[in-house]
Amino acid sequence: MNVIATALPEVLIVEPRLFGDARGFFVELFQAARYAEAGIPGPFVQDNMSRSAHGVLRGLHLQIPNTQGKLVSALRGRILDVAVDVRRGSPHFGRHVAVELSEDNRRQLWVPRGFAHGFAVLSESADVMYKCDAFYSPADEIVIRWDDPALGIDWRVTAPTLSPRDAAAPLLADAARLPDYGRV
């Protein structure tokens, strides 16, 4: 696999190796030792999958205090996947990485603990899978406003379809709880 550093040192793009021929292809989506060597330690305890239509935007979500790291893949379709550093005291606070993940490029994005995560569907629909290194805890989930001008994210969709919770989310500056840099 190929591991690509991003502008946020902890956020990684992973390109698993694809073996293809006239029959189709084979790709190893996760192998614990290899991913740990690349800086994605696990262990992973939960796999999630969502299917969304074009223009759906999910995010920006994170959990406090029970943080989660996520390894995100688009199994079908194309998404713009976004990780935002929201750790108070981080030298990269408020900065983001946006990466297109698709069934064609087979890329994965590692979103570490303490980062808000979201994605927008660029294709007609998309199936998104993510491995989590901690269990989902609804009581700990917080949401940051997807179109916060301070974040400057170009989601590449106009008039996205949002959940009521995402539509009403506070700006990053107004978030009541955020993780602390060095403590996540």
C-alpha atoms as a PDB file:
ATOM      1  CA  MET A   1       0.000   0.000   0.000  1.00  0.00           C
ATOM      2  CA  ASN A   2       1.011   3.606  -0.498  1.00  0.00           C
ATOM      3  CA  VAL A   3       0.622   6.055   2.404  1.00  0.00           C
ATOM      4  CA  ILE A   4       0.444   9.763   1.562  1.00  0.00           C
ATOM      5  CA  ALA A   5       1.034  12.511   4.109  1.00  0.00           C
ATOM      6  CA  THR A   6      -1.355  15.466   4.103  1.00  0.00           C
ATOM      7  CA  ALA A   7      -1.158  19.086   5.250  1.00  0.00           C
ATOM      8  CA  LEU A   8      -2.337  17.831   8.670  1.00  0.00           C
ATOM      9  CA  PRO A   9       0.395  15.486   9.910  1.00  0.00           C
ATOM     10  CA  GLU A  10      -1.881  12.975  11.647  1.00  0.00           C
ATOM     11  CA  VAL A  11      -4.343  12.677   8.728  1.00  0.00           C
ATOM     12  CA  LEU A  12      -3.220  10.106   6.149  1.00  0.00           C
ATOM     13  CA  ILE A  13      -4.341   9.029   2.695  1.00  0.00           C
ATOM     14  CA  VAL A  14      -3.957   5.307   2.083  1.00  0.00           C
ATOM     15  CA  GLU A  15      -3.868   3.757  -1.365  1.00  0.00           C
ATOM     16  CA  PRO A  16      -4.262  -0.007  -0.984  1.00  0.00           C
ATOM     17  CA  ARG A  17      -2.602  -2.110  -3.674  1.00  0.00           C
ATOM     18  CA  LEU A  18      -5.024  -3.390  -6.294  1.00  0.00           C
ATOM     19  CA  PHE A  19      -4.516  -6.644  -8.183  1.00  0.00           C
ATOM     20  CA  GLY A  20      -6.619  -6.735 -11.342  1.00  0.00           C
ATOM     21  CA  ASP A  21      -7.071  -8.812 -14.453  1.00  0.00           C
ATOM     22  CA  ALA A  22      -9.819  -9.760 -16.923  1.00  0.00           C
ATOM     23  CA  ARG A  23     -11.837 -11.368 -14.090  1.00  0.00           C
ATOM     24  CA  GLY A  24     -11.991  -8.218 -11.969  1.00  0.00           C
ATOM     25  CA  PHE A  25      -9.786  -7.218  -9.047  1.00  0.00           C
ATOM     26  CA  PHE A  26      -8.688  -8.022  -5.510  1.00  0.00           C
ATOM     27  CA  VAL A  27      -7.727  -5.439  -2.900  1.00  0.00           C
ATOM     28  CA  GLU A  28      -6.788  -5.824   0.746  1.00  0.00           C
ATOM     29  CA  LEU A  29      -8.742  -3.067   2.538  1.00  0.00           C
ATOM     30  CA  PHE A  30      -7.130  -3.585   5.930  1.00  0.00           C
ATOM     31  CA  GLN A  31      -4.290  -5.556   7.482  1.00  0.00           C
ATOM     32  CA  ALA A  32      -3.581  -4.700  11.131  1.00  0.00           C
ATOM     33  CA  ALA A  33       0.226  -4.951  11.160  1.00  0.00           C
ATOM     34  CA  ARG A  34       0.693  -3.041   7.901  1.00  0.00           C
ATOM     35  CA  TYR A  35      -1.658  -0.224   8.947  1.00  0.00           C
ATOM     36  CA  ALA A  36      -0.085   0.035  12.423  1.00  0.00           C
ATOM     37  CA  GLU A  37       3.317   0.361  10.742  1.00  0.00           C
ATOM     38  CA  ALA A  38       1.894   3.260   8.703  1.00  0.00           C
ATOM     39  CA  GLY A  39       0.673   5.092  11.835  1.00  0.00           C
ATOM     40  CA  ILE A  40      -2.910   3.786  11.975  1.00  0.00           C
ATOM     41  CA  PRO A  41      -2.746   1.696  15.133  1.00  0.00           C
ATOM     42  CA  GLY A  42      -6.268   0.400  15.781  1.00  0.00           C
ATOM     43  CA  PRO A  43      -7.544  -1.876  17.105  1.00  0.00           C
ATOM     44  CA  PHE A  44     -10.789  -1.303  15.253  1.00  0.00           C
ATOM     45  CA  VAL A  45     -13.938  -2.267  17.136  1.00  0.00           C
ATOM     46  CA  GLN A  46     -16.791  -1.191  14.869  1.00  0.00           C
ATOM     47  CA  ASP A  47     -17.463  -1.030  11.114  1.00  0.00           C
ATOM     48  CA  ASN A  48     -20.140   1.344   9.792  1.00  0.00           C
ATOM     49  CA  MET A  49     -21.626   1.762   6.336  1.00  0.00           C
ATOM     50  CA  SER A  50     -23.922   4.394   4.878  1.00  0.00           C
ATOM     51  CA  ARG A  51     -25.606   4.813   1.524  1.00  0.00           C
ATOM     52  CA  SER A  52     -26.375   8.360   0.461  1.00  0.00           C
ATOM     53  CA  ALA A  53     -27.729  10.090  -2.627  1.00  0.00           C
ATOM     54  CA  HIS A  54     -25.997  12.800  -4.661  1.00  0.00           C
ATOM     55  CA  GLY A  55     -25.630  16.061  -2.770  1.00  0.00           C
ATOM     56  CA  VAL A  56     -26.033  14.542   0.706  1.00  0.00           C
ATOM     57  CA  LEU A  57     -23.596  16.070   3.179  1.00  0.00           C
ATOM     58  CA  ARG A  58     -22.981  14.269   6.465  1.00  0.00           C
ATOM     59  CA  GLY A  59     -20.962  16.104   9.082  1.00  0.00           C
ATOM     60  CA  LEU A  60     -19.016  17.533  10.657  1.00  0.00           C
ATOM     61  CA  HIS A  61     -19.145  15.008  13.529  1.00  0.00           C
ATOM     62  CA  LEU A  62     -16.925  13.895  16.395  1.00  0.00           C
ATOM     63  CA  GLN A  63     -17.253  12.476  19.889  1.00  0.00           C
ATOM     64  CA  ILE A  64     -16.094  14.033  23.172  1.00  0.00           C
ATOM     65  CA  PRO A  65     -14.815  12.645  25.545  1.00  0.00           C
ATOM     66  CA  ASN A  66     -14.992   9.163  23.975  1.00  0.00           C
ATOM     67  CA  THR A  67     -13.172  10.083  20.765  1.00  0.00           C
ATOM     68  CA  GLN A  68     -13.002   7.889  17.662  1.00  0.00           C
ATOM     69  CA  GLY A  69     -10.478   7.442  14.911  1.00  0.00           C
ATOM     70  CA  LYS A  70     -11.992   6.478  11.534  1.00  0.00           C
ATOM     71  CA  LEU A  71     -10.594   4.789   8.447  1.00  0.00           C
ATOM     72  CA  VAL A  72     -12.960   5.864   5.658  1.00  0.00           C
ATOM     73  CA  SER A  73     -13.507   4.231   2.234  1.00  0.00           C
ATOM     74  CA  ALA A  74     -15.970   4.802  -0.590  1.00  0.00           C
ATOM     75  CA  LEU A  75     -16.979   1.316  -1.722  1.00  0.00           C
ATOM     76  CA  ARG A  76     -19.277   2.605  -4.446  1.00  0.00           C
ATOM     77  CA  GLY A  77     -19.542   6.080  -5.956  1.00  0.00           C
ATOM     78  CA  ARG A  78     -17.493   9.192  -5.133  1.00  0.00           C
ATOM     79  CA  ILE A  79     -17.342  11.386  -2.045  1.00  0.00           C
ATOM     80  CA  LEU A  80     -15.385  14.375  -0.849  1.00  0.00           C
ATOM     81  CA  ASP A  81     -14.149  13.260   2.570  1.00  0.00           C
ATOM     82  CA  VAL A  82     -13.109  15.950   5.050  1.00  0.00           C
ATOM     83  CA  ALA A  83     -11.143  15.907   8.315  1.00  0.00           C
ATOM     84  CA  VAL A  84     -10.938  19.086  10.440  1.00  0.00           C
ATOM     85  CA  ASP A  85      -8.511  19.562  13.321  1.00  0.00           C
ATOM     86  CA  VAL A  86     -10.690  20.786  16.198  1.00  0.00           C
ATOM     87  CA  ARG A  87      -8.248  20.066  19.032  1.00  0.00           C
ATOM     88  CA  ARG A  88      -7.910  23.147  21.221  1.00  0.00           C
ATOM     89  CA  GLY A  89      -4.264  24.206  21.332  1.00  0.00           C
ATOM     90  CA  SER A  90      -3.289  22.385  18.137  1.00  0.00           C
ATOM     91  CA  PRO A  91      -0.979  24.297  15.779  1.00  0.00           C
ATOM     92  CA  HIS A  92      -3.388  23.214  13.012  1.00  0.00           C
ATOM     93  CA  PHE A  93      -6.630  24.132  14.803  1.00  0.00           C
ATOM     94  CA  GLY A  94      -9.428  24.874  12.341  1.00  0.00           C
ATOM     95  CA  ARG A  95      -7.502  23.575   9.306  1.00  0.00           C
ATOM     96  CA  HIS A  96      -8.869  20.782   7.166  1.00  0.00           C
ATOM     97  CA  VAL A  97      -7.946  18.169   4.589  1.00  0.00           C
ATOM     98  CA  ALA A  98     -10.415  17.287   1.809  1.00  0.00           C
ATOM     99  CA  VAL A  99      -9.820  14.185  -0.315  1.00  0.00           C
ATOM    100  CA  GLU A 100     -11.906  12.564  -3.017  1.00  0.00           C
ATOM    101  CA  LEU A 101     -12.505   8.897  -2.238  1.00  0.00           C
ATOM    102  CA  SER A 102     -14.084   6.694  -4.878  1.00  0.00           C
ATOM    103  CA  GLU A 103     -14.625   3.173  -6.087  1.00  0.00           C
ATOM    104  CA  ASP A 104     -12.180   4.000  -8.872  1.00  0.00           C
ATOM    105  CA  ASN A 105      -9.251   5.382  -6.869  1.00  0.00           C
ATOM    106  CA  ARG A 106      -9.793   3.014  -3.867  1.00  0.00           C
ATOM    107  CA  ARG A 107      -8.244   5.594  -1.556  1.00  0.00           C
ATOM    108  CA  GLN A 108      -8.907   5.615   2.179  1.00  0.00           C
ATOM    109  CA  LEU A 109      -8.661   8.513   4.605  1.00  0.00           C
ATOM    110  CA  TRP A 110      -7.441   8.074   8.173  1.00  0.00           C
ATOM    111  CA  VAL A 111      -9.275  10.586  10.403  1.00  0.00           C
ATOM    112  CA  PRO A 112      -7.568  10.485  13.826  1.00  0.00           C
ATOM    113  CA  ARG A 113      -9.171  11.011  17.206  1.00  0.00           C
ATOM    114  CA  GLY A 114      -9.875  14.678  17.921  1.00  0.00           C
ATOM    115  CA  PHE A 115     -10.738  15.546  14.322  1.00  0.00           C
ATOM    116  CA  ALA A 116     -14.233  16.344  13.069  1.00  0.00           C
ATOM    117  CA  HIS A 117     -15.278  14.280  10.066  1.00  0.00           C
ATOM    118  CA  GLY A 118     -17.766  14.728   7.248  1.00  0.00           C
ATOM    119  CA  PHE A 119     -18.349  13.886   3.625  1.00  0.00           C
ATOM    120  CA  ALA A 120     -20.371  15.053   0.631  1.00  0.00           C
ATOM    121  CA  VAL A 121     -21.623  12.718  -2.092  1.00  0.00           C
ATOM    122  CA  LEU A 122     -20.374  13.746  -5.544  1.00  0.00           C
ATOM    123  CA  SER A 123     -21.772  10.832  -7.581  1.00  0.00           C
ATOM    124  CA  GLU A 124     -25.386   9.751  -8.112  1.00  0.00           C
ATOM    125  CA  SER A 125     -25.088   7.810  -4.833  1.00  0.00           C
ATOM    126  CA  ALA A 126     -22.292   6.431  -2.659  1.00  0.00           C
ATOM    127  CA  ASP A 127     -21.711   3.601  -0.223  1.00  0.00           C
ATOM    128  CA  VAL A 128     -19.257   4.705   2.457  1.00  0.00           C
ATOM    129  CA  MET A 129     -17.627   2.365   4.957  1.00  0.00           C
ATOM    130  CA  TYR A 130     -15.582   3.365   7.939  1.00  0.00           C
ATOM    131  CA  LYS A 131     -13.745   1.385  10.544  1.00  0.00           C
ATOM    132  CA  CYS A 132     -13.803   2.961  14.013  1.00  0.00           C
ATOM    133  CA  ASP A 133     -11.265   2.474  16.790  1.00  0.00           C
ATOM    134  CA  ALA A 134     -13.881   3.175  19.502  1.00  0.00           C
ATOM    135  CA  PHE A 135     -17.581   2.461  19.846  1.00  0.00           C
ATOM    136  CA  TYR A 136     -20.205   4.974  18.803  1.00  0.00           C
ATOM    137  CA  SER A 137     -21.486   6.880  21.816  1.00  0.00           C
ATOM    138  CA  PRO A 138     -24.532   9.045  20.972  1.00  0.00           C
ATOM    139  CA  ALA A 139     -24.265  10.944  24.277  1.00  0.00           C
ATOM    140  CA  ASP A 140     -20.721  12.054  23.375  1.00  0.00           C
ATOM    141  CA  GLU A 141     -21.368  13.121  19.781  1.00  0.00           C
ATOM    142  CA  ILE A 142     -21.092  16.776  18.826  1.00  0.00           C
ATOM    143  CA  VAL A 143     -21.600  18.464  15.488  1.00  0.00           C
ATOM    144  CA  ILE A 144     -19.774  21.447  13.960  1.00  0.00           C
ATOM    145  CA  ARG A 145     -21.433  23.575  11.286  1.00  0.00           C
ATOM    146  CA  TRP A 146     -20.494  22.211   7.848  1.00  0.00           C
ATOM    147  CA  ASP A 147     -20.405  25.663   6.205  1.00  0.00           C
ATOM    148  CA  ASP A 148     -18.583  27.538   8.978  1.00  0.00           C
ATOM    149  CA  PRO A 149     -16.836  30.407   7.112  1.00  0.00           C
ATOM    150  CA  ALA A 150     -13.855  30.113   9.475  1.00  0.00           C
ATOM    151  CA  LEU A 151     -13.183  26.603   8.098  1.00  0.00           C
ATOM    152  CA  GLY A 152     -13.460  27.558   4.416  1.00  0.00           C
ATOM    153  CA  ILE A 153     -14.338  24.077   3.157  1.00  0.00           C
ATOM    154  CA  ASP A 154     -15.297  23.784  -0.513  1.00  0.00           C
ATOM    155  CA  TRP A 155     -17.634  20.787  -0.389  1.00  0.00           C
ATOM    156  CA  ARG A 156     -18.083  20.759  -4.187  1.00  0.00           C
ATOM    157  CA  VAL A 157     -21.875  20.471  -3.872  1.00  0.00           C
ATOM    158  CA  THR A 158     -24.457  23.248  -4.009  1.00  0.00           C
ATOM    159  CA  ALA A 159     -27.525  23.223  -1.767  1.00  0.00           C
ATOM    160  CA  PRO A 160     -26.553  19.991   0.034  1.00  0.00           C
ATOM    161  CA  THR A 161     -29.127  17.707   1.636  1.00  0.00           C
ATOM    162  CA  LEU A 162     -28.565  17.829   5.399  1.00  0.00           C
ATOM    163  CA  SER A 163     -30.012  16.194   8.484  1.00  0.00           C
ATOM    164  CA  PRO A 164     -31.835  18.608  10.816  1.00  0.00           C
ATOM    165  CA  ARG A 165     -29.020  18.178  13.344  1.00  0.00           C
ATOM    166  CA  ASP A 166     -26.312  19.068  10.786  1.00  0.00           C
ATOM    167  CA  ALA A 167     -28.325  22.057   9.535  1.00  0.00           C
ATOM    168  CA  ALA A 168     -28.612  23.454  13.087  1.00  0.00           C
ATOM    169  CA  ALA A 169     -25.016  22.755  14.197  1.00  0.00           C
ATOM    170  CA  PRO A 170     -23.024  25.548  15.864  1.00  0.00           C
ATOM    171  CA  LEU A 171     -19.948  27.218  14.420  1.00  0.00           C
ATOM    172  CA  LEU A 172     -16.603  25.894  15.607  1.00  0.00           C
ATOM    173  CA  ALA A 173     -16.088  29.050  17.706  1.00  0.00           C
ATOM    174  CA  ASP A 174     -19.380  28.334  19.504  1.00  0.00           C
ATOM    175  CA  ALA A 175     -18.787  24.642  20.224  1.00  0.00           C
ATOM    176  CA  ALA A 176     -19.269  23.977  23.927  1.00  0.00           C
ATOM    177  CA  ARG A 177     -16.932  20.959  24.017  1.00  0.00           C
ATOM    178  CA  LEU A 178     -13.808  20.255  21.982  1.00  0.00           C
ATOM    179  CA  PRO A 179     -10.888  17.890  22.542  1.00  0.00           C
ATOM    180  CA  ASP A 180      -7.574  19.203  23.842  1.00  0.00           C
ATOM    181  CA  TYR A 181      -4.424  18.844  21.760  1.00  0.00           C
ATOM    182  CA  GLY A 182      -2.085  16.301  23.343  1.00  0.00           C
ATOM    183  CA  ARG A 183      -4.862  14.667  25.362  1.00  0.00           C
ATOM    184  CA  VAL A 184      -6.682  12.760  22.647  1.00  0.00           C
END
